[in-house]
């Protein structure tokens, strides 16, 4: 199975722009648009999927994105609601006031099953 890392802003939606750093962060309910079928799938911060039937999948995502650093970064696992393509969204955690957090996407790893929409051969 192959993985591909894509830029967060190319497939993530519900992002706001931080006026101080010009970085983008998640607002409301984050969602991503599948590059294979075009379906938008919402997800939760810190969402983990049980991919026990594919034991190496989590290890492959970790190989592409690295391990999260506690209290500094984390990830969410997402399945496309239509074609079941698997994604891992890695993000930075920023506490801007006591117990108030913003989550800044770093990268998105996509499980490649077939040719991505808009690409050839």
PDB file of N, CA and C in Angstrom:
ATOM      1  N   UNK A   1       0.843  -1.171   0.000  1.00  0.00           N
ATOM      2  CA  UNK A   1       0.000   0.000   0.000  1.00  0.00           C
ATOM      3  C   UNK A   1       0.892   1.239   0.000  1.00  0.00           C
ATOM      4  N   UNK A   2       0.505   2.229  -0.765  1.00  0.00           N
ATOM      5  CA  UNK A   2       1.300   3.441  -0.851  1.00  0.00           C
ATOM      6  C   UNK A   2       0.587   4.601  -0.180  1.00  0.00           C
ATOM      7  N   UNK A   3       1.402   5.519   0.321  1.00  0.00           N
ATOM      8  CA  UNK A   3       0.895   6.733   0.950  1.00  0.00           C
ATOM      9  C   UNK A   3       1.417   7.934   0.173  1.00  0.00           C
ATOM     10  N   UNK A   4       0.668   8.992   0.276  1.00  0.00           N
ATOM     11  CA  UNK A   4       1.080  10.248  -0.343  1.00  0.00           C
ATOM     12  C   UNK A   4       0.767  11.362   0.644  1.00  0.00           C
ATOM     13  N   UNK A   5       1.687  12.279   0.834  1.00  0.00           N
ATOM     14  CA  UNK A   5       1.469  13.421   1.725  1.00  0.00           C
ATOM     15  C   UNK A   5       1.081  14.620   0.864  1.00  0.00           C
ATOM     16  N   UNK A   6      -0.017  15.275   1.253  1.00  0.00           N
ATOM     17  CA  UNK A   6      -0.498  16.430   0.499  1.00  0.00           C
ATOM     18  C   UNK A   6      -0.536  17.658   1.405  1.00  0.00           C
ATOM     19  N   UNK A   7      -0.527  18.819   0.780  1.00  0.00           N
ATOM     20  CA  UNK A   7      -0.607  20.075   1.528  1.00  0.00           C
ATOM     21  C   UNK A   7      -1.995  20.197   2.159  1.00  0.00           C
ATOM     22  N   UNK A   8      -2.071  20.570   3.424  1.00  0.00           N
ATOM     23  CA  UNK A   8      -3.359  20.634   4.116  1.00  0.00           C
ATOM     24  C   UNK A   8      -4.404  21.500   3.415  1.00  0.00           C
ATOM     25  N   UNK A   9      -4.014  22.655   2.936  1.00  0.00           N
ATOM     26  CA  UNK A   9      -5.004  23.565   2.347  1.00  0.00           C
ATOM     27  C   UNK A   9      -5.545  23.068   1.018  1.00  0.00           C
ATOM     28  N   UNK A  10      -4.921  22.026   0.435  1.00  0.00           N
ATOM     29  CA  UNK A  10      -5.419  21.512  -0.837  1.00  0.00           C
ATOM     30  C   UNK A  10      -6.662  20.644  -0.660  1.00  0.00           C
ATOM     31  N   UNK A  11      -6.885  20.052   0.536  1.00  0.00           N
ATOM     32  CA  UNK A  11      -8.054  19.193   0.720  1.00  0.00           C
ATOM     33  C   UNK A  11      -8.839  19.471   2.001  1.00  0.00           C
ATOM     34  N   UNK A  12      -8.325  20.315   2.895  1.00  0.00           N
ATOM     35  CA  UNK A  12      -9.037  20.605   4.145  1.00  0.00           C
ATOM     36  C   UNK A  12      -9.933  21.831   4.001  1.00  0.00           C
ATOM     37  N   UNK A  13     -11.088  21.770   4.677  1.00  0.00           N
ATOM     38  CA  UNK A  13     -12.036  22.882   4.670  1.00  0.00           C
ATOM     39  C   UNK A  13     -12.344  23.264   6.108  1.00  0.00           C
ATOM     40  N   UNK A  14     -13.056  24.364   6.297  1.00  0.00           N
ATOM     41  CA  UNK A  14     -13.359  24.909   7.623  1.00  0.00           C
ATOM     42  C   UNK A  14     -12.076  25.364   8.313  1.00  0.00           C
ATOM     43  N   UNK A  15     -11.258  26.128   7.587  1.00  0.00           N
ATOM     44  CA  UNK A  15     -10.025  26.684   8.147  1.00  0.00           C
ATOM     45  C   UNK A  15     -10.177  28.187   8.291  1.00  0.00           C
ATOM     46  N   UNK A  16      -9.652  28.715   9.395  1.00  0.00           N
ATOM     47  CA  UNK A  16      -9.609  30.151   9.605  1.00  0.00           C
ATOM     48  C   UNK A  16      -8.164  30.615   9.547  1.00  0.00           C
ATOM     49  N   UNK A  17      -7.952  31.895   9.262  1.00  0.00           N
ATOM     50  CA  UNK A  17      -6.597  32.429   9.155  1.00  0.00           C
ATOM     51  C   UNK A  17      -6.227  33.171  10.426  1.00  0.00           C
ATOM     52  N   UNK A  18      -5.093  32.809  11.007  1.00  0.00           N
ATOM     53  CA  UNK A  18      -4.571  33.465  12.201  1.00  0.00           C
ATOM     54  C   UNK A  18      -3.959  34.794  11.769  1.00  0.00           C
ATOM     55  N   UNK A  19      -4.469  35.892  12.305  1.00  0.00           N
ATOM     56  CA  UNK A  19      -3.993  37.216  11.903  1.00  0.00           C
ATOM     57  C   UNK A  19      -2.571  37.520  12.351  1.00  0.00           C
ATOM     58  N   UNK A  20      -2.102  36.857  13.394  1.00  0.00           N
ATOM     59  CA  UNK A  20      -0.752  37.115  13.886  1.00  0.00           C
ATOM     60  C   UNK A  20       0.311  36.334  13.127  1.00  0.00           C
ATOM     61  N   UNK A  21       0.017  35.097  12.768  1.00  0.00           N
ATOM     62  CA  UNK A  21       1.037  34.258  12.141  1.00  0.00           C
ATOM     63  C   UNK A  21       0.777  33.962  10.670  1.00  0.00           C
ATOM     64  N   UNK A  22      -0.392  34.316  10.153  1.00  0.00           N
ATOM     65  CA  UNK A  22      -0.804  33.986   8.785  1.00  0.00           C
ATOM     66  C   UNK A  22      -0.927  32.489   8.546  1.00  0.00           C
ATOM     67  N   UNK A  23      -0.945  31.683   9.612  1.00  0.00           N
ATOM     68  CA  UNK A  23      -1.191  30.254   9.497  1.00  0.00           C
ATOM     69  C   UNK A  23      -2.694  30.005   9.525  1.00  0.00           C
ATOM     70  N   UNK A  24      -3.097  28.844   9.060  1.00  0.00           N
ATOM     71  CA  UNK A  24      -4.511  28.469   9.058  1.00  0.00           C
ATOM     72  C   UNK A  24      -4.771  27.447  10.158  1.00  0.00           C
ATOM     73  N   UNK A  25      -5.949  27.531  10.776  1.00  0.00           N
ATOM     74  CA  UNK A  25      -6.310  26.623  11.861  1.00  0.00           C
ATOM     75  C   UNK A  25      -7.740  26.133  11.646  1.00  0.00           C
ATOM     76  N   UNK A  26      -8.089  25.038  12.325  1.00  0.00           N
ATOM     77  CA  UNK A  26      -9.427  24.472  12.210  1.00  0.00           C
ATOM     78  C   UNK A  26     -10.444  25.332  12.941  1.00  0.00           C
ATOM     79  N   UNK A  27     -11.582  25.575  12.305  1.00  0.00           N
ATOM     80  CA  UNK A  27     -12.717  26.230  12.942  1.00  0.00           C
ATOM     81  C   UNK A  27     -13.945  25.349  12.724  1.00  0.00           C
ATOM     82  N   UNK A  28     -14.944  25.500  13.596  1.00  0.00           N
ATOM     83  CA  UNK A  28     -16.176  24.721  13.495  1.00  0.00           C
ATOM     84  C   UNK A  28     -15.871  23.228  13.406  1.00  0.00           C
ATOM     85  N   UNK A  29     -16.501  22.542  12.463  1.00  0.00           N
ATOM     86  CA  UNK A  29     -16.269  21.111  12.262  1.00  0.00           C
ATOM     87  C   UNK A  29     -15.338  20.960  11.061  1.00  0.00           C
ATOM     88  N   UNK A  30     -14.091  20.526  11.285  1.00  0.00           N
ATOM     89  CA  UNK A  30     -13.184  20.383  10.140  1.00  0.00           C
ATOM     90  C   UNK A  30     -13.667  19.277   9.206  1.00  0.00           C
ATOM     91  N   UNK A  31     -13.355  19.426   7.935  1.00  0.00           N
ATOM     92  CA  UNK A  31     -13.689  18.389   6.965  1.00  0.00           C
ATOM     93  C   UNK A  31     -12.625  18.377   5.879  1.00  0.00           C
ATOM     94  N   UNK A  32     -12.561  17.262   5.154  1.00  0.00           N
ATOM     95  CA  UNK A  32     -11.627  17.172   4.041  1.00  0.00           C
ATOM     96  C   UNK A  32     -12.363  16.683   2.807  1.00  0.00           C
ATOM     97  N   UNK A  33     -11.835  17.052   1.652  1.00  0.00           N
ATOM     98  CA  UNK A  33     -12.415  16.597   0.386  1.00  0.00           C
ATOM     99  C   UNK A  33     -11.519  15.526  -0.185  1.00  0.00           C
ATOM    100  N   UNK A  34     -12.081  14.348  -0.405  1.00  0.00           N
ATOM    101  CA  UNK A  34     -11.329  13.213  -0.912  1.00  0.00           C
ATOM    102  C   UNK A  34     -10.825  13.509  -2.322  1.00  0.00           C
ATOM    103  N   UNK A  35      -9.515  13.371  -2.578  1.00  0.00           N
ATOM    104  CA  UNK A  35      -8.993  13.618  -3.919  1.00  0.00           C
ATOM    105  C   UNK A  35      -9.353  12.507  -4.907  1.00  0.00           C
ATOM    106  N   UNK A  36      -9.885  11.393  -4.407  1.00  0.00           N
ATOM    107  CA  UNK A  36     -10.272  10.298  -5.303  1.00  0.00           C
ATOM    108  C   UNK A  36     -11.687  10.442  -5.830  1.00  0.00           C
ATOM    109  N   UNK A  37     -12.637  10.792  -4.930  1.00  0.00           N
ATOM    110  CA  UNK A  37     -14.046  10.825  -5.350  1.00  0.00           C
ATOM    111  C   UNK A  37     -14.694  12.198  -5.186  1.00  0.00           C
ATOM    112  N   UNK A  38     -14.043  13.126  -4.487  1.00  0.00           N
ATOM    113  CA  UNK A  38     -14.590  14.467  -4.326  1.00  0.00           C
ATOM    114  C   UNK A  38     -15.574  14.639  -3.178  1.00  0.00           C
ATOM    115  N   UNK A  39     -15.811  13.585  -2.385  1.00  0.00           N
ATOM    116  CA  UNK A  39     -16.740  13.653  -1.266  1.00  0.00           C
ATOM    117  C   UNK A  39     -16.095  14.379  -0.092  1.00  0.00           C
ATOM    118  N   UNK A  40     -16.871  15.246   0.559  1.00  0.00           N
ATOM    119  CA  UNK A  40     -16.378  15.912   1.776  1.00  0.00           C
ATOM    120  C   UNK A  40     -16.768  15.080   2.991  1.00  0.00           C
ATOM    121  N   UNK A  41     -15.785  14.837   3.866  1.00  0.00           N
ATOM    122  CA  UNK A  41     -16.008  14.042   5.073  1.00  0.00           C
ATOM    123  C   UNK A  41     -15.613  14.857   6.298  1.00  0.00           C
ATOM    124  N   UNK A  42     -16.545  15.112   7.212  1.00  0.00           N
ATOM    125  CA  UNK A  42     -16.209  15.822   8.452  1.00  0.00           C
ATOM    126  C   UNK A  42     -15.473  14.884   9.404  1.00  0.00           C
ATOM    127  N   UNK A  43     -14.694  15.470  10.320  1.00  0.00           N
ATOM    128  CA  UNK A  43     -14.000  14.675  11.333  1.00  0.00           C
ATOM    129  C   UNK A  43     -13.838  15.489  12.603  1.00  0.00           C
ATOM    130  N   UNK A  44     -13.452  14.812  13.671  1.00  0.00           N
ATOM    131  CA  UNK A  44     -13.229  15.466  14.959  1.00  0.00           C
ATOM    132  C   UNK A  44     -11.727  15.527  15.263  1.00  0.00           C
ATOM    133  N   UNK A  45     -11.329  16.550  15.981  1.00  0.00           N
ATOM    134  CA  UNK A  45      -9.954  16.651  16.459  1.00  0.00           C
ATOM    135  C   UNK A  45      -9.696  15.471  17.401  1.00  0.00           C
ATOM    136  N   UNK A  46      -8.582  14.788  17.203  1.00  0.00           N
ATOM    137  CA  UNK A  46      -8.224  13.659  18.059  1.00  0.00           C
ATOM    138  C   UNK A  46      -8.947  12.371  17.721  1.00  0.00           C
ATOM    139  N   UNK A  47      -9.673  12.342  16.619  1.00  0.00           N
ATOM    140  CA  UNK A  47     -10.433  11.151  16.214  1.00  0.00           C
ATOM    141  C   UNK A  47      -9.479  10.036  15.797  1.00  0.00           C
ATOM    142  N   UNK A  48      -9.664   8.864  16.375  1.00  0.00           N
ATOM    143  CA  UNK A  48      -8.847   7.700  16.035  1.00  0.00           C
ATOM    144  C   UNK A  48      -9.745   6.630  15.429  1.00  0.00           C
ATOM    145  N   UNK A  49      -9.238   5.933  14.419  1.00  0.00           N
ATOM    146  CA  UNK A  49      -9.986   4.853  13.786  1.00  0.00           C
ATOM    147  C   UNK A  49      -9.349   3.519  14.146  1.00  0.00           C
ATOM    148  N   UNK A  50     -10.175   2.501  14.271  1.00  0.00           N
ATOM    149  CA  UNK A  50      -9.687   1.147  14.512  1.00  0.00           C
ATOM    150  C   UNK A  50      -9.482   0.474  13.163  1.00  0.00           C
ATOM    151  N   UNK A  51      -8.260   0.519  12.676  1.00  0.00           N
ATOM    152  CA  UNK A  51      -7.933  -0.101  11.406  1.00  0.00           C
ATOM    153  C   UNK A  51      -7.236  -1.429  11.660  1.00  0.00           C
ATOM    154  N   UNK A  52      -7.778  -2.216  12.600  1.00  0.00           N
ATOM    155  CA  UNK A  52      -7.128  -3.452  13.012  1.00  0.00           C
ATOM    156  C   UNK A  52      -7.031  -4.474  11.881  1.00  0.00           C
ATOM    157  N   UNK A  53      -7.945  -4.389  10.902  1.00  0.00           N
ATOM    158  CA  UNK A  53      -7.870  -5.334   9.794  1.00  0.00           C
ATOM    159  C   UNK A  53      -6.684  -5.031   8.872  1.00  0.00           C
ATOM    160  N   UNK A  54      -6.154  -3.831   8.965  1.00  0.00           N
ATOM    161  CA  UNK A  54      -4.976  -3.438   8.187  1.00  0.00           C
ATOM    162  C   UNK A  54      -3.897  -2.983   9.167  1.00  0.00           C
ATOM    163  N   UNK A  55      -3.209  -3.943   9.761  1.00  0.00           N
ATOM    164  CA  UNK A  55      -2.299  -3.669  10.877  1.00  0.00           C
ATOM    165  C   UNK A  55      -1.157  -2.722  10.530  1.00  0.00           C
ATOM    166  N   UNK A  56      -0.709  -2.725   9.293  1.00  0.00           N
ATOM    167  CA  UNK A  56       0.428  -1.895   8.927  1.00  0.00           C
ATOM    168  C   UNK A  56       0.043  -0.462   8.564  1.00  0.00           C
ATOM    169  N   UNK A  57      -1.245  -0.204   8.442  1.00  0.00           N
ATOM    170  CA  UNK A  57      -1.689   1.115   7.997  1.00  0.00           C
ATOM    171  C   UNK A  57      -1.236   2.228   8.933  1.00  0.00           C
ATOM    172  N   UNK A  58      -1.461   2.067  10.224  1.00  0.00           N
ATOM    173  CA  UNK A  58      -1.061   3.094  11.186  1.00  0.00           C
ATOM    174  C   UNK A  58       0.455   3.294  11.163  1.00  0.00           C
ATOM    175  N   UNK A  59       1.190   2.215  11.031  1.00  0.00           N
ATOM    176  CA  UNK A  59       2.658   2.282  10.968  1.00  0.00           C
ATOM    177  C   UNK A  59       3.108   3.024   9.702  1.00  0.00           C
ATOM    178  N   UNK A  60       2.407   2.807   8.592  1.00  0.00           N
ATOM    179  CA  UNK A  60       2.755   3.502   7.348  1.00  0.00           C
ATOM    180  C   UNK A  60       2.464   4.996   7.443  1.00  0.00           C
ATOM    181  N   UNK A  61       1.324   5.352   8.048  1.00  0.00           N
ATOM    182  CA  UNK A  61       1.018   6.768   8.257  1.00  0.00           C
ATOM    183  C   UNK A  61       2.091   7.405   9.134  1.00  0.00           C
ATOM    184  N   UNK A  62       2.494   6.702  10.184  1.00  0.00           N
ATOM    185  CA  UNK A  62       3.529   7.211  11.083  1.00  0.00           C
ATOM    186  C   UNK A  62       4.847   7.397  10.349  1.00  0.00           C
ATOM    187  N   UNK A  63       5.147   6.489   9.429  1.00  0.00           N
ATOM    188  CA  UNK A  63       6.373   6.600   8.638  1.00  0.00           C
ATOM    189  C   UNK A  63       6.366   7.825   7.738  1.00  0.00           C
ATOM    190  N   UNK A  64       5.199   8.216   7.245  1.00  0.00           N
ATOM    191  CA  UNK A  64       5.087   9.389   6.375  1.00  0.00           C
ATOM    192  C   UNK A  64       5.075  10.702   7.152  1.00  0.00           C
ATOM    193  N   UNK A  65       4.363  10.720   8.283  1.00  0.00           N
ATOM    194  CA  UNK A  65       4.162  11.977   9.012  1.00  0.00           C
ATOM    195  C   UNK A  65       4.978  12.098  10.292  1.00  0.00           C
ATOM    196  N   UNK A  66       5.527  10.987  10.772  1.00  0.00           N
ATOM    197  CA  UNK A  66       6.237  10.999  12.048  1.00  0.00           C
ATOM    198  C   UNK A  66       5.268  10.811  13.204  1.00  0.00           C
ATOM    199  N   UNK A  67       5.822  10.665  14.386  1.00  0.00           N
ATOM    200  CA  UNK A  67       5.006  10.489  15.595  1.00  0.00           C
ATOM    201  C   UNK A  67       4.659  11.855  16.173  1.00  0.00           C
ATOM    202  N   UNK A  68       3.461  12.009  16.704  1.00  0.00           N
ATOM    203  CA  UNK A  68       3.113  13.281  17.338  1.00  0.00           C
ATOM    204  C   UNK A  68       3.907  13.485  18.629  1.00  0.00           C
ATOM    205  N   UNK A  69       4.185  14.736  18.936  1.00  0.00           N
ATOM    206  CA  UNK A  69       4.874  15.102  20.173  1.00  0.00           C
ATOM    207  C   UNK A  69       3.798  15.478  21.188  1.00  0.00           C
ATOM    208  N   UNK A  70       3.737  14.802  22.344  1.00  0.00           N
ATOM    209  CA  UNK A  70       2.677  15.108  23.324  1.00  0.00           C
ATOM    210  C   UNK A  70       2.614  16.593  23.653  1.00  0.00           C
ATOM    211  N   UNK A  71       1.407  17.128  23.689  1.00  0.00           N
ATOM    212  CA  UNK A  71       1.071  18.515  24.001  1.00  0.00           C
ATOM    213  C   UNK A  71       1.523  19.507  22.935  1.00  0.00           C
ATOM    214  N   UNK A  72       2.187  19.040  21.871  1.00  0.00           N
ATOM    215  CA  UNK A  72       2.620  19.934  20.796  1.00  0.00           C
ATOM    216  C   UNK A  72       1.957  19.622  19.467  1.00  0.00           C
ATOM    217  N   UNK A  73       1.711  18.329  19.213  1.00  0.00           N
ATOM    218  CA  UNK A  73       1.074  17.925  17.960  1.00  0.00           C
ATOM    219  C   UNK A  73       0.235  16.671  18.195  1.00  0.00           C
ATOM    220  N   UNK A  74      -0.659  16.405  17.256  1.00  0.00           N
ATOM    221  CA  UNK A  74      -1.514  15.228  17.348  1.00  0.00           C
ATOM    222  C   UNK A  74      -2.031  14.927  15.947  1.00  0.00           C
ATOM    223  N   UNK A  75      -2.913  13.936  15.833  1.00  0.00           N
ATOM    224  CA  UNK A  75      -3.463  13.590  14.527  1.00  0.00           C
ATOM    225  C   UNK A  75      -4.895  13.116  14.667  1.00  0.00           C
ATOM    226  N   UNK A  76      -5.600  13.140  13.548  1.00  0.00           N
ATOM    227  CA  UNK A  76      -6.949  12.582  13.431  1.00  0.00           C
ATOM    228  C   UNK A  76      -6.945  11.608  12.269  1.00  0.00           C
ATOM    229  N   UNK A  77      -7.595  10.463  12.443  1.00  0.00           N
ATOM    230  CA  UNK A  77      -7.768   9.485  11.373  1.00  0.00           C
ATOM    231  C   UNK A  77      -9.139   9.691  10.757  1.00  0.00           C
ATOM    232  N   UNK A  78      -9.195   9.661   9.431  1.00  0.00           N
ATOM    233  CA  UNK A  78     -10.441   9.937   8.724  1.00  0.00           C
ATOM    234  C   UNK A  78     -10.633   8.903   7.623  1.00  0.00           C
ATOM    235  N   UNK A  79     -11.863   8.403   7.489  1.00  0.00           N
ATOM    236  CA  UNK A  79     -12.261   7.566   6.359  1.00  0.00           C
ATOM    237  C   UNK A  79     -13.166   8.397   5.474  1.00  0.00           C
ATOM    238  N   UNK A  80     -12.950   8.352   4.155  1.00  0.00           N
ATOM    239  CA  UNK A  80     -13.861   9.007   3.229  1.00  0.00           C
ATOM    240  C   UNK A  80     -15.228   8.353   3.361  1.00  0.00           C
ATOM    241  N   UNK A  81     -16.264   9.169   3.443  1.00  0.00           N
ATOM    242  CA  UNK A  81     -17.624   8.636   3.612  1.00  0.00           C
ATOM    243  C   UNK A  81     -18.113   7.896   2.382  1.00  0.00           C
ATOM    244  N   UNK A  82     -17.502   8.134   1.247  1.00  0.00           N
ATOM    245  CA  UNK A  82     -17.974   7.514   0.009  1.00  0.00           C
ATOM    246  C   UNK A  82     -17.108   6.327  -0.424  1.00  0.00           C
ATOM    247  N   UNK A  83     -15.818   6.566  -0.657  1.00  0.00           N
ATOM    248  CA  UNK A  83     -14.953   5.512  -1.215  1.00  0.00           C
ATOM    249  C   UNK A  83     -14.079   4.820  -0.165  1.00  0.00           C
ATOM    250  N   UNK A  84     -14.176   5.245   1.098  1.00  0.00           N
ATOM    251  CA  UNK A  84     -13.446   4.652   2.221  1.00  0.00           C
ATOM    252  C   UNK A  84     -11.927   4.780   2.138  1.00  0.00           C
ATOM    253  N   UNK A  85     -11.431   5.752   1.348  1.00  0.00           N
ATOM    254  CA  UNK A  85     -10.009   6.064   1.365  1.00  0.00           C
ATOM    255  C   UNK A  85      -9.650   6.522   2.769  1.00  0.00           C
ATOM    256  N   UNK A  86      -8.475   6.156   3.239  1.00  0.00           N
ATOM    257  CA  UNK A  86      -8.065   6.479   4.599  1.00  0.00           C
ATOM    258  C   UNK A  86      -7.077   7.639   4.594  1.00  0.00           C
ATOM    259  N   UNK A  87      -7.253   8.527   5.588  1.00  0.00           N
ATOM    260  CA  UNK A  87      -6.418   9.724   5.721  1.00  0.00           C
ATOM    261  C   UNK A  87      -5.924   9.834   7.153  1.00  0.00           C
ATOM    262  N   UNK A  88      -4.780  10.477   7.321  1.00  0.00           N
ATOM    263  CA  UNK A  88      -4.333  10.910   8.647  1.00  0.00           C
ATOM    264  C   UNK A  88      -3.982  12.386   8.536  1.00  0.00           C
ATOM    265  N   UNK A  89      -4.618  13.201   9.374  1.00  0.00           N
ATOM    266  CA  UNK A  89      -4.395  14.639   9.401  1.00  0.00           C
ATOM    267  C   UNK A  89      -3.544  14.963  10.623  1.00  0.00           C
ATOM    268  N   UNK A  90      -2.338  15.477  10.401  1.00  0.00           N
ATOM    269  CA  UNK A  90      -1.425  15.852  11.489  1.00  0.00           C
ATOM    270  C   UNK A  90      -1.554  17.358  11.711  1.00  0.00           C
ATOM    271  N   UNK A  91      -1.561  17.774  12.984  1.00  0.00           N
ATOM    272  CA  UNK A  91      -1.721  19.197  13.297  1.00  0.00           C
ATOM    273  C   UNK A  91      -0.944  19.577  14.556  1.00  0.00           C
ATOM    274  N   UNK A  92      -0.594  20.868  14.620  1.00  0.00           N
ATOM    275  CA  UNK A  92       0.041  21.450  15.802  1.00  0.00           C
ATOM    276  C   UNK A  92      -1.042  21.871  16.776  1.00  0.00           C
ATOM    277  N   UNK A  93      -0.738  21.813  18.064  1.00  0.00           N
ATOM    278  CA  UNK A  93      -1.666  22.251  19.107  1.00  0.00           C
ATOM    279  C   UNK A  93      -1.116  23.539  19.704  1.00  0.00           C
ATOM    280  N   UNK A  94      -1.964  24.557  19.787  1.00  0.00           N
ATOM    281  CA  UNK A  94      -1.553  25.836  20.365  1.00  0.00           C
ATOM    282  C   UNK A  94      -2.568  26.248  21.431  1.00  0.00           C
ATOM    283  N   UNK A  95      -2.111  26.378  22.658  1.00  0.00           N
ATOM    284  CA  UNK A  95      -2.969  26.872  23.734  1.00  0.00           C
ATOM    285  C   UNK A  95      -2.792  28.382  23.805  1.00  0.00           C
ATOM    286  N   UNK A  96      -3.841  29.133  23.445  1.00  0.00           N
ATOM    287  CA  UNK A  96      -3.706  30.601  23.406  1.00  0.00           C
ATOM    288  C   UNK A  96      -4.244  31.270  24.657  1.00  0.00           C
ATOM    289  N   UNK A  97      -5.013  30.578  25.447  1.00  0.00           N
ATOM    290  CA  UNK A  97      -5.456  31.013  26.770  1.00  0.00           C
ATOM    291  C   UNK A  97      -5.659  29.726  27.565  1.00  0.00           C
ATOM    292  N   UNK A  98      -5.676  29.820  28.867  1.00  0.00           N
ATOM    293  CA  UNK A  98      -5.771  28.596  29.657  1.00  0.00           C
ATOM    294  C   UNK A  98      -6.954  27.741  29.203  1.00  0.00           C
ATOM    295  N   UNK A  99      -6.664  26.517  28.782  1.00  0.00           N
ATOM    296  CA  UNK A  99      -7.652  25.533  28.313  1.00  0.00           C
ATOM    297  C   UNK A  99      -8.396  25.957  27.048  1.00  0.00           C
ATOM    298  N   UNK A 100      -7.825  26.866  26.276  1.00  0.00           N
ATOM    299  CA  UNK A 100      -8.389  27.265  24.983  1.00  0.00           C
ATOM    300  C   UNK A 100      -7.353  26.943  23.916  1.00  0.00           C
ATOM    301  N   UNK A 101      -7.750  26.149  22.942  1.00  0.00           N
ATOM    302  CA  UNK A 101      -6.783  25.624  21.980  1.00  0.00           C
ATOM    303  C   UNK A 101      -7.158  25.969  20.549  1.00  0.00           C
ATOM    304  N   UNK A 102      -6.132  26.094  19.722  1.00  0.00           N
ATOM    305  CA  UNK A 102      -6.269  26.145  18.269  1.00  0.00           C
ATOM    306  C   UNK A 102      -5.420  25.008  17.718  1.00  0.00           C
ATOM    307  N   UNK A 103      -5.895  24.456  16.608  1.00  0.00           N
ATOM    308  CA  UNK A 103      -5.218  23.326  15.987  1.00  0.00           C
ATOM    309  C   UNK A 103      -4.859  23.721  14.556  1.00  0.00           C
ATOM    310  N   UNK A 104      -3.553  23.725  14.262  1.00  0.00           N
ATOM    311  CA  UNK A 104      -3.034  24.156  12.972  1.00  0.00           C
ATOM    312  C   UNK A 104      -2.604  22.940  12.155  1.00  0.00           C
ATOM    313  N   UNK A 105      -3.249  22.672  11.012  1.00  0.00           N
ATOM    314  CA  UNK A 105      -2.868  21.500  10.221  1.00  0.00           C
ATOM    315  C   UNK A 105      -1.452  21.622   9.672  1.00  0.00           C
ATOM    316  N   UNK A 106      -0.708  20.516   9.751  1.00  0.00           N
ATOM    317  CA  UNK A 106       0.668  20.459   9.264  1.00  0.00           C
ATOM    318  C   UNK A 106       0.727  19.734   7.923  1.00  0.00           C
ATOM    319  N   UNK A 107       0.129  18.541   7.863  1.00  0.00           N
ATOM    320  CA  UNK A 107       0.170  17.714   6.653  1.00  0.00           C
ATOM    321  C   UNK A 107      -0.957  16.694   6.700  1.00  0.00           C
ATOM    322  N   UNK A 108      -1.292  16.178   5.532  1.00  0.00           N
ATOM    323  CA  UNK A 108      -2.309  15.131   5.414  1.00  0.00           C
ATOM    324  C   UNK A 108      -1.716  13.990   4.606  1.00  0.00           C
ATOM    325  N   UNK A 109      -1.756  12.776   5.152  1.00  0.00           N
ATOM    326  CA  UNK A 109      -1.317  11.586   4.421  1.00  0.00           C
ATOM    327  C   UNK A 109      -2.555  10.888   3.874  1.00  0.00           C
ATOM    328  N   UNK A 110      -2.474  10.479   2.611  1.00  0.00           N
ATOM    329  CA  UNK A 110      -3.592   9.835   1.920  1.00  0.00           C
ATOM    330  C   UNK A 110      -3.159   8.439   1.505  1.00  0.00           C
ATOM    331  N   UNK A 111      -4.005   7.459   1.767  1.00  0.00           N
ATOM    332  CA  UNK A 111      -3.765   6.105   1.302  1.00  0.00           C
ATOM    333  C   UNK A 111      -4.086   6.089  -0.191  1.00  0.00           C
ATOM    334  N   UNK A 112      -3.102   5.751  -1.015  1.00  0.00           N
ATOM    335  CA  UNK A 112      -3.334   5.730  -2.459  1.00  0.00           C
ATOM    336  C   UNK A 112      -3.819   4.355  -2.887  1.00  0.00           C
ATOM    337  N   UNK A 113      -5.042   4.328  -3.406  1.00  0.00           N
ATOM    338  CA  UNK A 113      -5.609   3.075  -3.897  1.00  0.00           C
ATOM    339  C   UNK A 113      -5.701   3.073  -5.415  1.00  0.00           C
ATOM    340  N   UNK A 114      -5.852   4.263  -5.988  1.00  0.00           N
ATOM    341  CA  UNK A 114      -5.985   4.398  -7.430  1.00  0.00           C
ATOM    342  C   UNK A 114      -5.546   5.801  -7.827  1.00  0.00           C
ATOM    343  N   UNK A 115      -5.678   6.153  -9.087  1.00  0.00           N
ATOM    344  CA  UNK A 115      -5.249   7.463  -9.569  1.00  0.00           C
ATOM    345  C   UNK A 115      -6.124   8.546  -8.951  1.00  0.00           C
ATOM    346  N   UNK A 116      -5.481   9.600  -8.437  1.00  0.00           N
ATOM    347  CA  UNK A 116      -6.194  10.708  -7.840  1.00  0.00           C
ATOM    348  C   UNK A 116      -6.961  11.491  -8.889  1.00  0.00           C
ATOM    349  N   UNK A 117      -8.096  12.048  -8.498  1.00  0.00           N
ATOM    350  CA  UNK A 117      -8.913  12.836  -9.406  1.00  0.00           C
ATOM    351  C   UNK A 117      -8.087  13.968 -10.002  1.00  0.00           C
ATOM    352  N   UNK A 118      -8.162  14.155 -11.288  1.00  0.00           N
ATOM    353  CA  UNK A 118      -7.448  15.245 -11.936  1.00  0.00           C
ATOM    354  C   UNK A 118      -6.035  14.910 -12.352  1.00  0.00           C
ATOM    355  N   UNK A 119      -5.540  13.713 -11.984  1.00  0.00           N
ATOM    356  CA  UNK A 119      -4.188  13.300 -12.380  1.00  0.00           C
ATOM    357  C   UNK A 119      -4.288  12.264 -13.477  1.00  0.00           C
ATOM    358  N   UNK A 120      -3.239  12.157 -14.270  1.00  0.00           N
ATOM    359  CA  UNK A 120      -3.216  11.144 -15.318  1.00  0.00           C
ATOM    360  C   UNK A 120      -2.116  10.148 -15.048  1.00  0.00           C
ATOM    361  N   UNK A 121      -2.343   8.919 -15.523  1.00  0.00           N
ATOM    362  CA  UNK A 121      -1.401   7.811 -15.486  1.00  0.00           C
ATOM    363  C   UNK A 121      -0.508   7.775 -14.372  1.00  0.00           C
TER     364      UNK A 121
END
